[in-house]
Amino acid sequence: MATADDVRRIALSLPEATEKLAWGMPTFRVGGKIFASLGDDDASMGVRCPKEDRAELIAAEPGKFFLREGHDDNFAWLRVRLAALDGEEELSAILADSWRQIAPRKIQDAHPAPGG
């Protein structure tokens, strides 16, 4: 089972990632923009996700993905239940995908994805 410590360790291992407390929760940033945050219960995290992809992900795995109604509605954001993840590899992939969505092109070009 993934933990808040796993999220922190993996998020901060991404190129130029930093941690900053916001709204009383740890947020992880690249280029000054948030790519992930821990939930206030340390049992979930928020990540970047295109709005058009959210419904499909939630429908496919409602025990894993969700929205915080009234909060995430207008943002390209998705919540993930840490206990539902299939291990560290899946957690790493989700965080890396979120990082790529928000990282400035200059940082991405300096740190290409493995195999890419």
C-alpha atoms as a PDB file:
ATOM      1  CA  MET A   1       0.000   0.000   0.000  1.00  0.00           C
ATOM      2  CA  ALA A   2       1.302   3.446  -0.926  1.00  0.00           C
ATOM      3  CA  THR A   3       1.730   5.931   1.893  1.00  0.00           C
ATOM      4  CA  ALA A   4       2.081   9.690   2.205  1.00  0.00           C
ATOM      5  CA  ASP A   5       5.815   9.120   2.735  1.00  0.00           C
ATOM      6  CA  ASP A   6       5.956   7.260  -0.603  1.00  0.00           C
ATOM      7  CA  VAL A   7       4.192  10.155  -2.341  1.00  0.00           C
ATOM      8  CA  ARG A   8       6.641  12.651  -0.835  1.00  0.00           C
ATOM      9  CA  ARG A   9       9.725  10.570  -1.706  1.00  0.00           C
ATOM     10  CA  ILE A  10       8.665   9.913  -5.304  1.00  0.00           C
ATOM     11  CA  ALA A  11       7.338  13.415  -5.973  1.00  0.00           C
ATOM     12  CA  LEU A  12      10.536  15.017  -4.692  1.00  0.00           C
ATOM     13  CA  SER A  13      12.642  12.651  -6.817  1.00  0.00           C
ATOM     14  CA  LEU A  14      11.206  14.218  -9.976  1.00  0.00           C
ATOM     15  CA  PRO A  15      13.397  16.870 -11.630  1.00  0.00           C
ATOM     16  CA  GLU A  16      13.315  20.255  -9.917  1.00  0.00           C
ATOM     17  CA  ALA A  17      10.373  19.271  -7.702  1.00  0.00           C
ATOM     18  CA  THR A  18       9.892  21.121  -4.437  1.00  0.00           C
ATOM     19  CA  GLU A  19       7.505  20.810  -1.498  1.00  0.00           C
ATOM     20  CA  LYS A  20       5.525  23.707  -0.096  1.00  0.00           C
ATOM     21  CA  LEU A  21       2.776  23.775   2.503  1.00  0.00           C
ATOM     22  CA  ALA A  22      -0.457  25.286   1.150  1.00  0.00           C
ATOM     23  CA  TRP A  23      -3.951  25.205   2.639  1.00  0.00           C
ATOM     24  CA  GLY A  24      -2.445  23.211   5.503  1.00  0.00           C
ATOM     25  CA  MET A  25      -1.393  20.376   3.159  1.00  0.00           C
ATOM     26  CA  PRO A  26       1.883  19.436   1.496  1.00  0.00           C
ATOM     27  CA  THR A  27       1.949  20.352  -2.171  1.00  0.00           C
ATOM     28  CA  PHE A  28       4.585  19.338  -4.703  1.00  0.00           C
ATOM     29  CA  ARG A  29       5.583  21.822  -7.363  1.00  0.00           C
ATOM     30  CA  VAL A  30       7.694  22.236 -10.447  1.00  0.00           C
ATOM     31  CA  GLY A  31       8.326  25.643 -11.952  1.00  0.00           C
ATOM     32  CA  GLY A  32       6.251  27.110  -9.125  1.00  0.00           C
ATOM     33  CA  LYS A  33       3.104  25.189 -10.155  1.00  0.00           C
ATOM     34  CA  ILE A  34       1.450  22.374  -8.225  1.00  0.00           C
ATOM     35  CA  PHE A  35       1.565  18.912  -9.787  1.00  0.00           C
ATOM     36  CA  ALA A  36       0.484  16.920  -6.702  1.00  0.00           C
ATOM     37  CA  SER A  37      -0.778  17.372  -3.171  1.00  0.00           C
ATOM     38  CA  LEU A  38      -1.444  15.125  -0.228  1.00  0.00           C
ATOM     39  CA  GLY A  39      -4.957  15.005   1.167  1.00  0.00           C
ATOM     40  CA  ASP A  40      -5.523  16.264   4.682  1.00  0.00           C
ATOM     41  CA  ASP A  41      -5.975  12.636   5.810  1.00  0.00           C
ATOM     42  CA  ASP A  42      -2.733  11.367   4.175  1.00  0.00           C
ATOM     43  CA  ALA A  43      -4.867   8.636   2.567  1.00  0.00           C
ATOM     44  CA  SER A  44      -5.262  10.336  -0.807  1.00  0.00           C
ATOM     45  CA  MET A  45      -3.455  12.649  -3.167  1.00  0.00           C
ATOM     46  CA  GLY A  46      -4.489  15.088  -5.833  1.00  0.00           C
ATOM     47  CA  VAL A  47      -2.830  15.127  -9.255  1.00  0.00           C
ATOM     48  CA  ARG A  48      -3.185  16.956 -12.533  1.00  0.00           C
ATOM     49  CA  CYS A  49      -5.577  15.297 -14.972  1.00  0.00           C
ATOM     50  CA  PRO A  50      -7.206  16.719 -18.100  1.00  0.00           C
ATOM     51  CA  LYS A  51     -10.890  17.344 -17.403  1.00  0.00           C
ATOM     52  CA  GLU A  52     -11.887  15.289 -20.443  1.00  0.00           C
ATOM     53  CA  ASP A  53     -10.135  12.192 -19.013  1.00  0.00           C
ATOM     54  CA  ARG A  54     -11.493  12.283 -15.472  1.00  0.00           C
ATOM     55  CA  ALA A  55     -14.920  10.700 -15.991  1.00  0.00           C
ATOM     56  CA  GLU A  56     -13.454   7.699 -17.824  1.00  0.00           C
ATOM     57  CA  LEU A  57     -10.839   7.075 -15.127  1.00  0.00           C
ATOM     58  CA  ILE A  58     -13.399   7.360 -12.334  1.00  0.00           C
ATOM     59  CA  ALA A  59     -15.873   5.084 -14.151  1.00  0.00           C
ATOM     60  CA  ALA A  60     -13.166   2.468 -14.788  1.00  0.00           C
ATOM     61  CA  GLU A  61     -11.818   2.469 -11.206  1.00  0.00           C
ATOM     62  CA  PRO A  62     -14.154   4.292  -8.807  1.00  0.00           C
ATOM     63  CA  GLY A  63     -12.399   2.791  -5.795  1.00  0.00           C
ATOM     64  CA  LYS A  64      -9.151   4.398  -6.903  1.00  0.00           C
ATOM     65  CA  PHE A  65     -10.061   7.720  -8.538  1.00  0.00           C
ATOM     66  CA  PHE A  66     -12.536  10.384  -7.409  1.00  0.00           C
ATOM     67  CA  LEU A  67     -13.299  14.095  -7.389  1.00  0.00           C
ATOM     68  CA  ARG A  68     -13.888  16.215  -4.352  1.00  0.00           C
ATOM     69  CA  GLU A  69     -17.227  17.669  -5.379  1.00  0.00           C
ATOM     70  CA  GLY A  70     -17.470  21.417  -5.251  1.00  0.00           C
ATOM     71  CA  HIS A  71     -13.693  21.708  -5.147  1.00  0.00           C
ATOM     72  CA  ASP A  72     -12.278  19.892  -8.196  1.00  0.00           C
ATOM     73  CA  ASP A  73     -15.180  20.542 -10.570  1.00  0.00           C
ATOM     74  CA  ASN A  74     -13.569  23.403 -12.496  1.00  0.00           C
ATOM     75  CA  PHE A  75      -9.957  22.289 -12.347  1.00  0.00           C
ATOM     76  CA  ALA A  76      -7.846  19.759 -14.255  1.00  0.00           C
ATOM     77  CA  TRP A  77      -7.428  17.766 -11.055  1.00  0.00           C
ATOM     78  CA  LEU A  78      -8.174  14.228  -9.896  1.00  0.00           C
ATOM     79  CA  ARG A  79      -7.960  12.531  -6.487  1.00  0.00           C
ATOM     80  CA  VAL A  80      -6.334   9.149  -5.941  1.00  0.00           C
ATOM     81  CA  ARG A  81      -6.867   6.815  -2.983  1.00  0.00           C
ATOM     82  CA  LEU A  82      -3.388   5.654  -1.993  1.00  0.00           C
ATOM     83  CA  ALA A  83      -4.575   2.312  -0.581  1.00  0.00           C
ATOM     84  CA  ALA A  84      -6.094   1.408  -3.963  1.00  0.00           C
ATOM     85  CA  LEU A  85      -2.873   1.768  -5.945  1.00  0.00           C
ATOM     86  CA  ASP A  86      -1.213  -1.346  -7.343  1.00  0.00           C
ATOM     87  CA  GLY A  87       2.162  -0.554  -5.812  1.00  0.00           C
ATOM     88  CA  GLU A  88       4.995   1.897  -6.145  1.00  0.00           C
ATOM     89  CA  GLU A  89       5.271   1.551  -9.926  1.00  0.00           C
ATOM     90  CA  GLU A  90       1.711   2.812 -10.418  1.00  0.00           C
ATOM     91  CA  LEU A  91       2.236   5.633  -7.910  1.00  0.00           C
ATOM     92  CA  SER A  92       5.428   6.660  -9.720  1.00  0.00           C
ATOM     93  CA  ALA A  93       3.689   6.610 -13.104  1.00  0.00           C
ATOM     94  CA  ILE A  94       0.795   8.764 -11.875  1.00  0.00           C
ATOM     95  CA  LEU A  95       3.106  11.321 -10.263  1.00  0.00           C
ATOM     96  CA  ALA A  96       5.392  11.448 -13.316  1.00  0.00           C
ATOM     97  CA  ASP A  97       2.400  11.965 -15.614  1.00  0.00           C
ATOM     98  CA  SER A  98       1.136  14.803 -13.443  1.00  0.00           C
ATOM     99  CA  TRP A  99       4.631  16.343 -13.340  1.00  0.00           C
ATOM    100  CA  ARG A 100       4.862  16.226 -17.165  1.00  0.00           C
ATOM    101  CA  GLN A 101       1.522  18.027 -17.499  1.00  0.00           C
ATOM    102  CA  ILE A 102       2.725  21.053 -15.550  1.00  0.00           C
ATOM    103  CA  ALA A 103       6.541  21.151 -15.832  1.00  0.00           C
ATOM    104  CA  PRO A 104       7.835  23.954 -18.032  1.00  0.00           C
ATOM    105  CA  ARG A 105       9.095  22.752 -21.418  1.00  0.00           C
ATOM    106  CA  LYS A 106      12.646  23.892 -20.583  1.00  0.00           C
ATOM    107  CA  ILE A 107      12.741  21.590 -17.529  1.00  0.00           C
ATOM    108  CA  GLN A 108      11.178  18.684 -19.440  1.00  0.00           C
ATOM    109  CA  ASP A 109      13.700  19.079 -22.260  1.00  0.00           C
ATOM    110  CA  ALA A 110      16.558  18.998 -19.750  1.00  0.00           C
ATOM    111  CA  HIS A 111      15.153  15.793 -18.187  1.00  0.00           C
ATOM    112  CA  PRO A 112      13.604  13.594 -20.900  1.00  0.00           C
ATOM    113  CA  ALA A 113      11.508  10.650 -19.774  1.00  0.00           C
ATOM    114  CA  PRO A 114      13.256   7.265 -19.859  1.00  0.00           C
ATOM    115  CA  GLY A 115      12.879   5.737 -23.301  1.00  0.00           C
ATOM    116  CA  GLY A 116      11.534   9.006 -24.675  1.00  0.00           C
END
